């Protein structure tokens, strides 16, 4: 999870009045809006944001680390839909988590 100090700094930037923002800061605010948006985990259905699922190395707009659901521990991947939807992005299970679940299912039979 992203450290509290970093999140507080981003919240402060997010709630700045629009009149005081430069063009670059307005773009950053839009990216923050996406990072703060919550989507349901496909495994446990907990509503989590990218900030909740990322590790402490998360940087807005430039994150290559792994997302993990804080509720169930499932590996997640964020997906941006090709078609316009009310939700700007959603979670799917990461390849590693999906392979583990499939292996467990096959071993059960």
N, C-alpha and C. Protein backbone atom coordinates (compact mmCIF):
# COMPACT_ATOMS: atom_id res chain seq x y z
N UNK A 1 0.84 -1.19 0.00
CA UNK A 1 0.00 0.00 0.00
C UNK A 1 0.88 1.25 0.00
N UNK A 2 0.41 2.27 -0.65
CA UNK A 2 1.15 3.53 -0.76
C UNK A 2 1.23 4.19 0.62
N UNK A 3 2.41 4.69 1.01
CA UNK A 3 2.54 5.34 2.32
C UNK A 3 1.57 6.51 2.49
N UNK A 4 1.12 6.70 3.71
CA UNK A 4 0.12 7.71 4.04
C UNK A 4 0.60 9.13 3.66
N UNK A 5 1.89 9.43 3.84
CA UNK A 5 2.40 10.77 3.53
C UNK A 5 2.23 11.10 2.05
N UNK A 6 2.53 10.09 1.19
CA UNK A 6 2.39 10.29 -0.25
C UNK A 6 0.93 10.51 -0.62
N UNK A 7 0.05 9.70 -0.03
CA UNK A 7 -1.38 9.84 -0.32
C UNK A 7 -1.90 11.21 0.10
N UNK A 8 -1.47 11.70 1.27
CA UNK A 8 -1.91 13.01 1.75
C UNK A 8 -1.44 14.12 0.82
N UNK A 9 -0.21 13.99 0.31
CA UNK A 9 0.32 14.99 -0.63
C UNK A 9 -0.53 15.00 -1.90
N UNK A 10 -0.89 13.82 -2.39
CA UNK A 10 -1.70 13.74 -3.61
C UNK A 10 -3.12 14.26 -3.37
N UNK A 11 -3.69 13.98 -2.20
CA UNK A 11 -5.02 14.50 -1.88
C UNK A 11 -4.99 16.04 -1.85
N UNK A 12 -3.92 16.60 -1.29
CA UNK A 12 -3.79 18.05 -1.23
C UNK A 12 -3.73 18.64 -2.65
N UNK A 13 -2.96 17.98 -3.54
CA UNK A 13 -2.89 18.44 -4.93
C UNK A 13 -4.23 18.28 -5.62
N UNK A 14 -4.92 17.20 -5.31
CA UNK A 14 -6.20 16.91 -5.97
C UNK A 14 -7.26 17.96 -5.65
N UNK A 15 -7.27 18.45 -4.42
CA UNK A 15 -8.30 19.39 -4.00
C UNK A 15 -7.90 20.86 -4.15
N UNK A 16 -6.84 21.14 -4.90
CA UNK A 16 -6.50 22.54 -5.18
C UNK A 16 -7.56 23.14 -6.09
N UNK A 17 -7.86 24.42 -5.91
CA UNK A 17 -8.84 25.06 -6.79
C UNK A 17 -8.36 25.05 -8.25
N UNK A 18 -9.24 24.76 -9.19
CA UNK A 18 -8.84 24.66 -10.60
C UNK A 18 -8.22 25.95 -11.16
N UNK A 19 -8.59 27.09 -10.60
CA UNK A 19 -8.05 28.36 -11.10
C UNK A 19 -6.56 28.48 -10.84
N UNK A 20 -6.05 27.78 -9.82
CA UNK A 20 -4.64 27.88 -9.45
C UNK A 20 -3.76 26.87 -10.18
N UNK A 21 -4.35 26.00 -10.98
CA UNK A 21 -3.59 24.92 -11.61
C UNK A 21 -3.07 25.31 -12.99
N UNK A 22 -1.86 24.86 -13.30
CA UNK A 22 -1.31 25.02 -14.65
C UNK A 22 -1.85 23.89 -15.51
N UNK A 23 -1.55 23.90 -16.79
CA UNK A 23 -2.01 22.85 -17.70
C UNK A 23 -1.51 21.47 -17.28
N UNK A 24 -0.24 21.38 -16.90
CA UNK A 24 0.34 20.11 -16.48
C UNK A 24 -0.29 19.61 -15.18
N UNK A 25 -0.57 20.54 -14.26
CA UNK A 25 -1.20 20.17 -12.99
C UNK A 25 -2.63 19.68 -13.21
N UNK A 26 -3.32 20.24 -14.20
CA UNK A 26 -4.68 19.78 -14.52
C UNK A 26 -4.65 18.36 -15.06
N UNK A 27 -3.63 18.05 -15.88
CA UNK A 27 -3.48 16.68 -16.38
C UNK A 27 -3.18 15.72 -15.23
N UNK A 28 -2.33 16.15 -14.32
CA UNK A 28 -2.00 15.32 -13.16
C UNK A 28 -3.24 15.09 -12.29
N UNK A 29 -4.09 16.11 -12.18
CA UNK A 29 -5.32 15.97 -11.40
C UNK A 29 -6.23 14.92 -12.03
N UNK A 30 -6.29 14.87 -13.34
CA UNK A 30 -7.11 13.87 -14.03
C UNK A 30 -6.57 12.46 -13.75
N UNK A 31 -5.25 12.31 -13.79
CA UNK A 31 -4.64 11.01 -13.51
C UNK A 31 -4.89 10.62 -12.05
N UNK A 32 -4.86 11.60 -11.14
CA UNK A 32 -5.19 11.33 -9.74
C UNK A 32 -6.64 10.87 -9.59
N UNK A 33 -7.53 11.44 -10.38
CA UNK A 33 -8.94 11.03 -10.35
C UNK A 33 -9.05 9.55 -10.69
N UNK A 34 -8.30 9.11 -11.69
CA UNK A 34 -8.32 7.69 -12.07
C UNK A 34 -7.71 6.82 -10.97
N UNK A 35 -6.65 7.31 -10.32
CA UNK A 35 -5.98 6.52 -9.27
C UNK A 35 -6.87 6.40 -8.03
N UNK A 36 -7.67 7.42 -7.74
CA UNK A 36 -8.54 7.39 -6.56
C UNK A 36 -9.83 6.59 -6.80
N UNK A 37 -10.19 6.38 -8.08
CA UNK A 37 -11.43 5.65 -8.40
C UNK A 37 -11.32 4.21 -7.91
N UNK A 38 -12.41 3.68 -7.38
CA UNK A 38 -12.41 2.32 -6.85
C UNK A 38 -13.15 1.39 -7.79
N UNK A 39 -12.62 0.18 -7.90
CA UNK A 39 -13.24 -0.85 -8.72
C UNK A 39 -13.23 -2.16 -7.93
N UNK A 40 -14.14 -3.05 -8.26
CA UNK A 40 -14.27 -4.29 -7.51
C UNK A 40 -13.23 -5.34 -7.88
N UNK A 41 -12.68 -5.99 -6.87
CA UNK A 41 -11.77 -7.11 -7.08
C UNK A 41 -12.57 -8.26 -7.71
N UNK A 42 -12.05 -8.90 -8.76
CA UNK A 42 -12.82 -9.97 -9.40
C UNK A 42 -12.95 -11.22 -8.53
N UNK A 43 -12.13 -11.36 -7.50
CA UNK A 43 -12.19 -12.55 -6.67
C UNK A 43 -13.08 -12.35 -5.44
N UNK A 44 -12.85 -11.26 -4.69
CA UNK A 44 -13.61 -11.06 -3.44
C UNK A 44 -14.61 -9.91 -3.53
N UNK A 45 -14.60 -9.17 -4.64
CA UNK A 45 -15.52 -8.06 -4.90
C UNK A 45 -15.35 -6.86 -3.99
N UNK A 46 -14.23 -6.77 -3.28
CA UNK A 46 -13.95 -5.59 -2.45
C UNK A 46 -13.65 -4.41 -3.36
N UNK A 47 -14.18 -3.25 -3.04
CA UNK A 47 -13.93 -2.04 -3.82
C UNK A 47 -12.58 -1.46 -3.40
N UNK A 48 -11.63 -1.43 -4.32
CA UNK A 48 -10.29 -0.92 -4.01
C UNK A 48 -9.80 -0.01 -5.13
N UNK A 49 -9.00 0.97 -4.74
CA UNK A 49 -8.42 1.89 -5.71
C UNK A 49 -7.02 1.40 -6.08
N UNK A 50 -6.43 2.05 -7.07
CA UNK A 50 -5.07 1.69 -7.45
C UNK A 50 -4.10 1.99 -6.31
N UNK A 51 -4.38 3.03 -5.54
CA UNK A 51 -3.51 3.37 -4.41
C UNK A 51 -3.58 2.29 -3.33
N UNK A 52 -4.76 1.70 -3.13
CA UNK A 52 -4.91 0.65 -2.13
C UNK A 52 -4.18 -0.63 -2.55
N UNK A 53 -4.16 -0.91 -3.86
CA UNK A 53 -3.61 -2.17 -4.35
C UNK A 53 -2.12 -2.10 -4.68
N UNK A 54 -1.57 -0.91 -4.81
CA UNK A 54 -0.16 -0.77 -5.19
C UNK A 54 0.77 -0.90 -3.98
N UNK A 55 2.05 -1.13 -4.27
CA UNK A 55 3.02 -1.16 -3.17
C UNK A 55 3.54 0.26 -2.92
N UNK A 56 4.52 0.37 -2.03
CA UNK A 56 5.00 1.70 -1.63
C UNK A 56 5.77 2.44 -2.72
N UNK A 57 6.10 1.78 -3.82
CA UNK A 57 6.85 2.42 -4.91
C UNK A 57 5.94 3.06 -5.94
N UNK A 58 4.65 3.15 -5.67
CA UNK A 58 3.69 3.67 -6.64
C UNK A 58 3.99 5.13 -6.97
N UNK A 59 4.02 5.44 -8.25
CA UNK A 59 4.13 6.80 -8.74
C UNK A 59 2.97 7.04 -9.70
N UNK A 60 2.32 8.16 -9.55
CA UNK A 60 1.16 8.48 -10.37
C UNK A 60 1.55 8.49 -11.85
N UNK A 61 0.82 7.70 -12.64
CA UNK A 61 0.99 7.69 -14.09
C UNK A 61 2.17 6.90 -14.60
N UNK A 62 3.04 6.38 -13.73
CA UNK A 62 4.23 5.68 -14.19
C UNK A 62 4.54 4.53 -13.23
N UNK A 63 3.65 3.53 -13.18
CA UNK A 63 3.81 2.43 -12.23
C UNK A 63 3.94 1.12 -12.98
N UNK A 64 5.00 0.40 -12.73
CA UNK A 64 5.22 -0.88 -13.39
C UNK A 64 5.23 -2.04 -12.39
N UNK A 65 4.95 -1.76 -11.13
CA UNK A 65 4.93 -2.80 -10.10
C UNK A 65 3.67 -3.64 -10.16
N UNK A 66 3.49 -4.46 -9.14
CA UNK A 66 2.33 -5.36 -9.08
C UNK A 66 1.26 -4.79 -8.16
N UNK A 67 0.02 -5.01 -8.56
CA UNK A 67 -1.13 -4.66 -7.74
C UNK A 67 -1.59 -5.91 -6.99
N UNK A 68 -1.97 -5.75 -5.73
CA UNK A 68 -2.46 -6.86 -4.92
C UNK A 68 -3.68 -6.40 -4.13
N UNK A 69 -4.71 -7.22 -4.12
CA UNK A 69 -5.91 -6.89 -3.35
C UNK A 69 -5.59 -6.98 -1.87
N UNK A 70 -5.83 -5.90 -1.11
CA UNK A 70 -5.53 -5.93 0.32
C UNK A 70 -6.48 -6.84 1.11
N UNK A 71 -7.62 -7.16 0.55
CA UNK A 71 -8.61 -8.00 1.24
C UNK A 71 -8.30 -9.50 1.11
N UNK A 72 -8.09 -9.96 -0.14
CA UNK A 72 -7.92 -11.40 -0.37
C UNK A 72 -6.50 -11.78 -0.80
N UNK A 73 -5.67 -10.81 -1.14
CA UNK A 73 -4.29 -11.09 -1.52
C UNK A 73 -4.11 -11.51 -2.96
N UNK A 74 -5.15 -11.44 -3.78
CA UNK A 74 -5.06 -11.83 -5.18
C UNK A 74 -4.23 -10.83 -5.96
N UNK A 75 -3.43 -11.31 -6.89
CA UNK A 75 -2.69 -10.44 -7.80
C UNK A 75 -3.66 -9.85 -8.81
N UNK A 76 -3.54 -8.56 -9.08
CA UNK A 76 -4.48 -7.88 -9.96
C UNK A 76 -3.74 -7.16 -11.09
N UNK A 77 -4.49 -6.89 -12.14
CA UNK A 77 -4.01 -6.12 -13.26
C UNK A 77 -5.10 -5.13 -13.63
N UNK A 78 -4.74 -3.88 -13.88
CA UNK A 78 -5.76 -2.90 -14.27
C UNK A 78 -5.92 -2.92 -15.78
N UNK A 79 -7.17 -2.82 -16.23
CA UNK A 79 -7.51 -2.88 -17.64
C UNK A 79 -8.35 -1.67 -17.98
N UNK A 80 -8.00 -1.02 -19.08
CA UNK A 80 -8.77 0.12 -19.57
C UNK A 80 -9.62 -0.39 -20.74
N UNK A 81 -10.95 -0.25 -20.65
CA UNK A 81 -11.80 -0.78 -21.72
C UNK A 81 -11.63 -0.01 -23.03
N UNK A 82 -11.79 -0.73 -24.12
CA UNK A 82 -11.66 -0.14 -25.45
C UNK A 82 -12.87 0.74 -25.77
N UNK A 83 -14.03 0.36 -25.25
CA UNK A 83 -15.27 1.08 -25.48
C UNK A 83 -15.54 1.98 -24.27
N UNK A 84 -16.16 3.11 -24.49
CA UNK A 84 -16.47 4.02 -23.38
C UNK A 84 -17.45 3.35 -22.41
N UNK A 85 -17.08 3.38 -21.14
CA UNK A 85 -17.90 2.80 -20.08
C UNK A 85 -17.96 3.79 -18.93
N UNK A 86 -18.92 3.63 -18.01
CA UNK A 86 -18.98 4.54 -16.86
C UNK A 86 -17.72 4.43 -16.00
N UNK A 87 -17.15 3.23 -15.90
CA UNK A 87 -15.93 3.01 -15.12
C UNK A 87 -14.73 3.19 -16.05
N UNK A 88 -13.77 4.08 -15.72
CA UNK A 88 -12.64 4.32 -16.62
C UNK A 88 -11.66 3.16 -16.70
N UNK A 89 -11.67 2.27 -15.73
CA UNK A 89 -10.80 1.10 -15.72
C UNK A 89 -11.41 0.08 -14.76
N UNK A 90 -10.93 -1.16 -14.82
CA UNK A 90 -11.39 -2.19 -13.90
C UNK A 90 -10.28 -3.20 -13.66
N UNK A 91 -10.47 -4.04 -12.64
CA UNK A 91 -9.49 -5.04 -12.28
C UNK A 91 -9.79 -6.37 -12.96
N UNK A 92 -8.73 -7.10 -13.34
CA UNK A 92 -8.81 -8.51 -13.71
C UNK A 92 -7.71 -9.22 -12.92
N UNK A 93 -7.83 -10.52 -12.79
CA UNK A 93 -6.79 -11.27 -12.08
C UNK A 93 -5.51 -11.26 -12.90
N UNK A 94 -4.38 -11.16 -12.22
CA UNK A 94 -3.10 -11.21 -12.91
C UNK A 94 -2.89 -12.61 -13.48
N UNK A 95 -1.99 -12.73 -14.43
CA UNK A 95 -1.73 -14.02 -15.05
C UNK A 95 -1.27 -15.05 -14.02
N UNK A 96 -0.41 -14.63 -13.09
CA UNK A 96 0.10 -15.56 -12.07
C UNK A 96 -1.04 -16.09 -11.19
N UNK A 97 -1.93 -15.20 -10.76
CA UNK A 97 -3.04 -15.61 -9.91
C UNK A 97 -3.99 -16.54 -10.66
N UNK A 98 -4.26 -16.20 -11.91
CA UNK A 98 -5.16 -17.03 -12.72
C UNK A 98 -4.56 -18.43 -12.93
N UNK A 99 -3.25 -18.50 -13.21
CA UNK A 99 -2.60 -19.80 -13.40
C UNK A 99 -2.63 -20.62 -12.11
N UNK A 100 -2.41 -19.98 -10.97
CA UNK A 100 -2.45 -20.67 -9.68
C UNK A 100 -3.84 -21.23 -9.41
N UNK A 101 -4.86 -20.43 -9.66
CA UNK A 101 -6.24 -20.89 -9.43
C UNK A 101 -6.61 -22.04 -10.37
N UNK A 102 -6.17 -21.96 -11.63
CA UNK A 102 -6.46 -23.04 -12.58
C UNK A 102 -5.74 -24.33 -12.16
N UNK A 103 -4.49 -24.20 -11.72
CA UNK A 103 -3.73 -25.36 -11.26
C UNK A 103 -4.42 -26.01 -10.06
N UNK A 104 -4.89 -25.19 -9.12
CA UNK A 104 -5.59 -25.72 -7.96
C UNK A 104 -6.88 -26.43 -8.37
N UNK A 105 -7.58 -25.86 -9.35
CA UNK A 105 -8.83 -26.45 -9.82
C UNK A 105 -8.57 -27.81 -10.48
N UNK A 106 -7.52 -27.89 -11.30
CA UNK A 106 -7.20 -29.14 -11.98
C UNK A 106 -6.73 -30.21 -10.98
N UNK A 107 -5.97 -29.82 -9.98
CA UNK A 107 -5.50 -30.77 -8.95
C UNK A 107 -6.65 -31.32 -8.12
N UNK A 108 -7.70 -30.55 -8.02
CA UNK A 108 -8.87 -30.95 -7.23
C UNK A 108 -9.63 -32.09 -7.88
N UNK A 109 -9.61 -32.13 -9.20
CA UNK A 109 -10.39 -33.15 -9.94
C UNK A 109 -9.73 -34.49 -9.91
